[in-house]
Amino acid sequence: MGADGSLEGLVGVPAGGSRYPASSETVRDGSHFFKMNGRGVRDFASEKFSGIIKRTLDGTQVALEDIDLVVPHQANIKMVRMLAEESGIAADRVALTGEFTGNTAAASVAVALDEAVRSGRVNHGSHVLLVAFGAGMTWGGTLIRWEGRAL
C-alpha cells in the first residue's frame, strides 16, 4: 500500500468539509461537485500499475505467469485493459465488470472478485492478484490464494 498526499487535487470534492465549509460562494462556483483531473489520474495509474504488481509479488514464490486472475479497480475499463497489456497480463486473466456495473468506486475490486468467483473464473487454489487505486492518491495490491469454492 502507498499514498502520495501531494496529489490530493487530482480527485475529490473541493468544498463542503471543514477546510472549505459550505457557503453561497462554494455552492455558486460548483465546489461541492466531484472533480477529477482525468489526464493526471491516468498518468498516476500508468506510473503505479506495474509497480504495484511487482512489489506485491516480490518476496512471494508466485511469478506473474502463475497468476490466474488479476482483479483491478474498475474506474476506467479502457485504461485498465491498456495497463494490463503493458504489464504483460493477457486480457483473459483480467477480471473486468465495469462495462456492466460502471465505476462502483471503492467497491469495484470486491464486485469484480465476486463476479469472477460466481462465474467460475476463480476456483480452489487460484492465485488472484487484487490491484486498487483511490483518491488522495492511494494505491495497494495483495495476492491471495483462493481456498474457497466457486459459488
C-alpha atoms as a PDB file:
ATOM      1  CA  MET A   1       0.000   0.000   0.000  1.00  0.00           C
ATOM      2  CA  GLY A   2       1.049   3.555  -0.505  1.00  0.00           C
ATOM      3  CA  ALA A   3      -0.131   7.129  -0.629  1.00  0.00           C
ATOM      4  CA  ASP A   4       1.022  10.400  -2.118  1.00  0.00           C
ATOM      5  CA  GLY A   5      -0.867  13.248  -0.487  1.00  0.00           C
ATOM      6  CA  SER A   6       0.818  15.820  -2.726  1.00  0.00           C
ATOM      7  CA  LEU A   7      -1.520  14.594  -5.484  1.00  0.00           C
ATOM      8  CA  GLU A   8      -4.705  15.159  -3.444  1.00  0.00           C
ATOM      9  CA  GLY A   9      -6.009  17.645  -6.001  1.00  0.00           C
ATOM     10  CA  LEU A  10      -6.354  15.051  -8.772  1.00  0.00           C
ATOM     11  CA  VAL A  11      -9.657  13.634  -7.450  1.00  0.00           C
ATOM     12  CA  GLY A  12     -12.123  14.933  -4.916  1.00  0.00           C
ATOM     13  CA  VAL A  13     -14.840  17.301  -3.836  1.00  0.00           C
ATOM     14  CA  PRO A  14     -13.092  20.610  -3.089  1.00  0.00           C
ATOM     15  CA  ALA A  15     -15.640  22.098  -0.679  1.00  0.00           C
ATOM     16  CA  GLY A  16     -18.145  21.075   1.924  1.00  0.00           C
ATOM     17  CA  GLY A  17     -15.767  19.892   4.617  1.00  0.00           C
ATOM     18  CA  SER A  18     -14.040  21.707   7.443  1.00  0.00           C
ATOM     19  CA  ARG A  19     -11.396  23.330   5.215  1.00  0.00           C
ATOM     20  CA  TYR A  20     -13.968  24.927   2.889  1.00  0.00           C
ATOM     21  CA  PRO A  21     -17.359  24.850   4.641  1.00  0.00           C
ATOM     22  CA  ALA A  22     -20.473  25.315   2.560  1.00  0.00           C
ATOM     23  CA  SER A  23     -21.165  28.907   1.680  1.00  0.00           C
ATOM     24  CA  SER A  24     -23.094  30.697  -1.021  1.00  0.00           C
ATOM     25  CA  GLU A  25     -19.782  31.176  -2.866  1.00  0.00           C
ATOM     26  CA  THR A  26     -18.746  27.482  -2.774  1.00  0.00           C
ATOM     27  CA  VAL A  27     -22.232  26.443  -3.918  1.00  0.00           C
ATOM     28  CA  ARG A  28     -22.266  29.049  -6.694  1.00  0.00           C
ATOM     29  CA  ASP A  29     -18.846  28.029  -8.048  1.00  0.00           C
ATOM     30  CA  GLY A  30     -19.710  24.298  -8.035  1.00  0.00           C
ATOM     31  CA  SER A  31     -17.111  23.335  -5.444  1.00  0.00           C
ATOM     32  CA  HIS A  32     -19.439  20.680  -3.977  1.00  0.00           C
ATOM     33  CA  PHE A  33     -19.333  18.576  -7.123  1.00  0.00           C
ATOM     34  CA  PHE A  34     -16.884  15.760  -7.780  1.00  0.00           C
ATOM     35  CA  LYS A  35     -13.827  16.967  -9.712  1.00  0.00           C
ATOM     36  CA  MET A  36     -11.201  14.855 -11.446  1.00  0.00           C
ATOM     37  CA  ASN A  37      -8.140  15.638 -13.500  1.00  0.00           C
ATOM     38  CA  GLY A  38      -8.528  12.695 -15.887  1.00  0.00           C
ATOM     39  CA  ARG A  39      -5.131  13.050 -17.547  1.00  0.00           C
ATOM     40  CA  GLY A  40      -3.401  13.339 -14.170  1.00  0.00           C
ATOM     41  CA  VAL A  41      -5.199  10.261 -12.829  1.00  0.00           C
ATOM     42  CA  ARG A  42      -4.321   8.294 -15.981  1.00  0.00           C
ATOM     43  CA  ASP A  43      -0.666   9.307 -15.658  1.00  0.00           C
ATOM     44  CA  PHE A  44      -0.682   8.326 -11.969  1.00  0.00           C
ATOM     45  CA  ALA A  45      -2.248   4.919 -12.687  1.00  0.00           C
ATOM     46  CA  SER A  46       0.117   4.302 -15.604  1.00  0.00           C
ATOM     47  CA  GLU A  47       3.093   5.053 -13.391  1.00  0.00           C
ATOM     48  CA  LYS A  48       1.922   2.863 -10.481  1.00  0.00           C
ATOM     49  CA  PHE A  49       0.142  -0.173 -12.010  1.00  0.00           C
ATOM     50  CA  SER A  50       3.091  -2.385 -12.964  1.00  0.00           C
ATOM     51  CA  GLY A  51       4.993  -1.302  -9.837  1.00  0.00           C
ATOM     52  CA  ILE A  52       2.120  -2.406  -7.607  1.00  0.00           C
ATOM     53  CA  ILE A  53       2.145  -5.806  -9.280  1.00  0.00           C
ATOM     54  CA  LYS A  54       5.911  -6.184  -8.989  1.00  0.00           C
ATOM     55  CA  ARG A  55       6.024  -5.076  -5.348  1.00  0.00           C
ATOM     56  CA  THR A  56       3.089  -7.308  -4.430  1.00  0.00           C
ATOM     57  CA  LEU A  57       4.757 -10.366  -5.963  1.00  0.00           C
ATOM     58  CA  ASP A  58       8.243  -9.580  -4.600  1.00  0.00           C
ATOM     59  CA  GLY A  59       9.096 -11.929  -1.772  1.00  0.00           C
ATOM     60  CA  THR A  60       6.473 -14.480  -2.777  1.00  0.00           C
ATOM     61  CA  GLN A  61       7.014 -17.748  -4.576  1.00  0.00           C
ATOM     62  CA  VAL A  62       4.492 -16.637  -7.221  1.00  0.00           C
ATOM     63  CA  ALA A  63       5.534 -15.217 -10.600  1.00  0.00           C
ATOM     64  CA  LEU A  64       3.334 -13.080 -12.824  1.00  0.00           C
ATOM     65  CA  GLU A  65       2.745 -16.027 -15.155  1.00  0.00           C
ATOM     66  CA  ASP A  66       1.425 -18.041 -12.158  1.00  0.00           C
ATOM     67  CA  ILE A  67      -1.369 -15.512 -11.538  1.00  0.00           C
ATOM     68  CA  ASP A  68      -4.727 -16.965 -12.568  1.00  0.00           C
ATOM     69  CA  LEU A  69      -6.630 -13.700 -12.380  1.00  0.00           C
ATOM     70  CA  VAL A  70      -5.882 -10.017 -11.833  1.00  0.00           C
ATOM     71  CA  VAL A  71      -8.758  -8.062 -10.291  1.00  0.00           C
ATOM     72  CA  PRO A  72      -8.108  -4.329 -10.717  1.00  0.00           C
ATOM     73  CA  HIS A  73     -10.025  -1.242  -9.693  1.00  0.00           C
ATOM     74  CA  GLN A  74     -12.672  -0.713 -12.381  1.00  0.00           C
ATOM     75  CA  ALA A  75     -12.645   3.076 -12.778  1.00  0.00           C
ATOM     76  CA  ASN A  76     -11.829   3.145 -16.497  1.00  0.00           C
ATOM     77  CA  ILE A  77     -12.029  -0.140 -18.404  1.00  0.00           C
ATOM     78  CA  LYS A  78     -10.135   1.103 -21.454  1.00  0.00           C
ATOM     79  CA  MET A  79      -7.270   2.277 -19.250  1.00  0.00           C
ATOM     80  CA  VAL A  80      -7.255  -0.954 -17.220  1.00  0.00           C
ATOM     81  CA  ARG A  81      -7.003  -3.021 -20.414  1.00  0.00           C
ATOM     82  CA  MET A  82      -4.093  -0.875 -21.604  1.00  0.00           C
ATOM     83  CA  LEU A  83      -2.263  -1.072 -18.259  1.00  0.00           C
ATOM     84  CA  ALA A  84      -2.711  -4.844 -18.047  1.00  0.00           C
ATOM     85  CA  GLU A  85      -1.396  -5.311 -21.574  1.00  0.00           C
ATOM     86  CA  GLU A  86       1.594  -3.057 -20.868  1.00  0.00           C
ATOM     87  CA  SER A  87       2.292  -5.124 -17.735  1.00  0.00           C
ATOM     88  CA  GLY A  88       2.300  -8.386 -19.696  1.00  0.00           C
ATOM     89  CA  ILE A  89      -1.043  -9.661 -18.453  1.00  0.00           C
ATOM     90  CA  ALA A  90      -3.224 -11.421 -21.021  1.00  0.00           C
ATOM     91  CA  ALA A  91      -6.735  -9.997 -21.400  1.00  0.00           C
ATOM     92  CA  ASP A  92      -8.313 -13.326 -20.400  1.00  0.00           C
ATOM     93  CA  ARG A  93      -6.570 -13.104 -16.996  1.00  0.00           C
ATOM     94  CA  VAL A  94      -8.107  -9.726 -16.080  1.00  0.00           C
ATOM     95  CA  ALA A  95     -11.488  -9.519 -14.328  1.00  0.00           C
ATOM     96  CA  LEU A  96     -13.492  -6.627 -15.756  1.00  0.00           C
ATOM     97  CA  THR A  97     -17.013  -5.739 -14.688  1.00  0.00           C
ATOM     98  CA  GLY A  98     -17.021  -2.001 -15.303  1.00  0.00           C
ATOM     99  CA  GLU A  99     -18.781  -2.422 -18.650  1.00  0.00           C
ATOM    100  CA  PHE A 100     -21.782  -3.798 -16.770  1.00  0.00           C
ATOM    101  CA  THR A 101     -21.580  -2.048 -13.413  1.00  0.00           C
ATOM    102  CA  GLY A 102     -19.873   1.242 -14.208  1.00  0.00           C
ATOM    103  CA  ASN A 103     -17.433   2.664 -11.693  1.00  0.00           C
ATOM    104  CA  THR A 104     -18.559   1.373  -8.307  1.00  0.00           C
ATOM    105  CA  ALA A 105     -15.705   3.318  -6.643  1.00  0.00           C
ATOM    106  CA  ALA A 106     -14.188   1.630  -3.592  1.00  0.00           C
ATOM    107  CA  ALA A 107     -16.368  -1.465  -4.095  1.00  0.00           C
ATOM    108  CA  SER A 108     -15.117  -2.174  -7.623  1.00  0.00           C
ATOM    109  CA  VAL A 109     -12.463  -4.749  -6.711  1.00  0.00           C
ATOM    110  CA  ALA A 110     -14.863  -6.636  -4.423  1.00  0.00           C
ATOM    111  CA  VAL A 111     -17.635  -6.543  -7.038  1.00  0.00           C
ATOM    112  CA  ALA A 112     -15.288  -7.836  -9.755  1.00  0.00           C
ATOM    113  CA  LEU A 113     -13.916 -10.568  -7.478  1.00  0.00           C
ATOM    114  CA  ASP A 114     -17.444 -11.681  -6.576  1.00  0.00           C
ATOM    115  CA  GLU A 115     -18.392 -11.862 -10.260  1.00  0.00           C
ATOM    116  CA  ALA A 116     -15.229 -13.848 -11.036  1.00  0.00           C
ATOM    117  CA  VAL A 117     -15.978 -16.364  -8.281  1.00  0.00           C
ATOM    118  CA  ARG A 118     -19.652 -16.697  -9.273  1.00  0.00           C
ATOM    119  CA  SER A 119     -18.747 -17.214 -12.935  1.00  0.00           C
ATOM    120  CA  GLY A 120     -16.170 -19.917 -12.140  1.00  0.00           C
ATOM    121  CA  ARG A 121     -13.082 -17.887 -13.073  1.00  0.00           C
ATOM    122  CA  VAL A 122     -11.746 -18.325  -9.530  1.00  0.00           C
ATOM    123  CA  ASN A 123     -11.518 -21.807  -8.087  1.00  0.00           C
ATOM    124  CA  HIS A 124      -9.874 -23.555  -5.153  1.00  0.00           C
ATOM    125  CA  GLY A 125      -6.135 -22.885  -5.349  1.00  0.00           C
ATOM    126  CA  SER A 126      -6.353 -19.941  -7.777  1.00  0.00           C
ATOM    127  CA  HIS A 127      -3.785 -17.194  -7.374  1.00  0.00           C
ATOM    128  CA  VAL A 128      -5.651 -13.891  -7.521  1.00  0.00           C
ATOM    129  CA  LEU A 129      -3.938 -10.519  -7.583  1.00  0.00           C
ATOM    130  CA  LEU A 130      -6.003  -7.539  -6.379  1.00  0.00           C
ATOM    131  CA  VAL A 131      -4.864  -4.065  -7.511  1.00  0.00           C
ATOM    132  CA  ALA A 132      -6.547  -0.846  -6.376  1.00  0.00           C
ATOM    133  CA  PHE A 133      -6.217   2.928  -6.673  1.00  0.00           C
ATOM    134  CA  GLY A 134      -8.037   5.631  -4.784  1.00  0.00           C
ATOM    135  CA  ALA A 135      -8.394   9.327  -4.222  1.00  0.00           C
ATOM    136  CA  GLY A 136      -5.714  11.070  -2.312  1.00  0.00           C
ATOM    137  CA  MET A 137      -3.759   9.434  -4.256  1.00  0.00           C
ATOM    138  CA  THR A 138      -3.534   5.971  -2.755  1.00  0.00           C
ATOM    139  CA  TRP A 139      -2.764   2.510  -4.095  1.00  0.00           C
ATOM    140  CA  GLY A 140      -2.483  -1.060  -2.942  1.00  0.00           C
ATOM    141  CA  GLY A 141      -2.130  -4.626  -4.028  1.00  0.00           C
ATOM    142  CA  THR A 142      -2.478  -8.028  -2.466  1.00  0.00           C
ATOM    143  CA  LEU A 143      -2.053 -11.606  -3.591  1.00  0.00           C
ATOM    144  CA  ILE A 144      -4.470 -14.234  -2.380  1.00  0.00           C
ATOM    145  CA  ARG A 145      -4.645 -17.974  -2.893  1.00  0.00           C
ATOM    146  CA  TRP A 146      -8.333 -18.782  -3.117  1.00  0.00           C
ATOM    147  CA  GLU A 147      -9.179 -21.547  -0.675  1.00  0.00           C
ATOM    148  CA  GLY A 148     -12.920 -21.490  -1.168  1.00  0.00           C
ATOM    149  CA  ARG A 149     -15.080 -22.999  -3.830  1.00  0.00           C
ATOM    150  CA  ALA A 150     -16.941 -21.255  -6.600  1.00  0.00           C
ATOM    151  CA  LEU A 151     -20.491 -20.306  -5.601  1.00  0.00           C
END
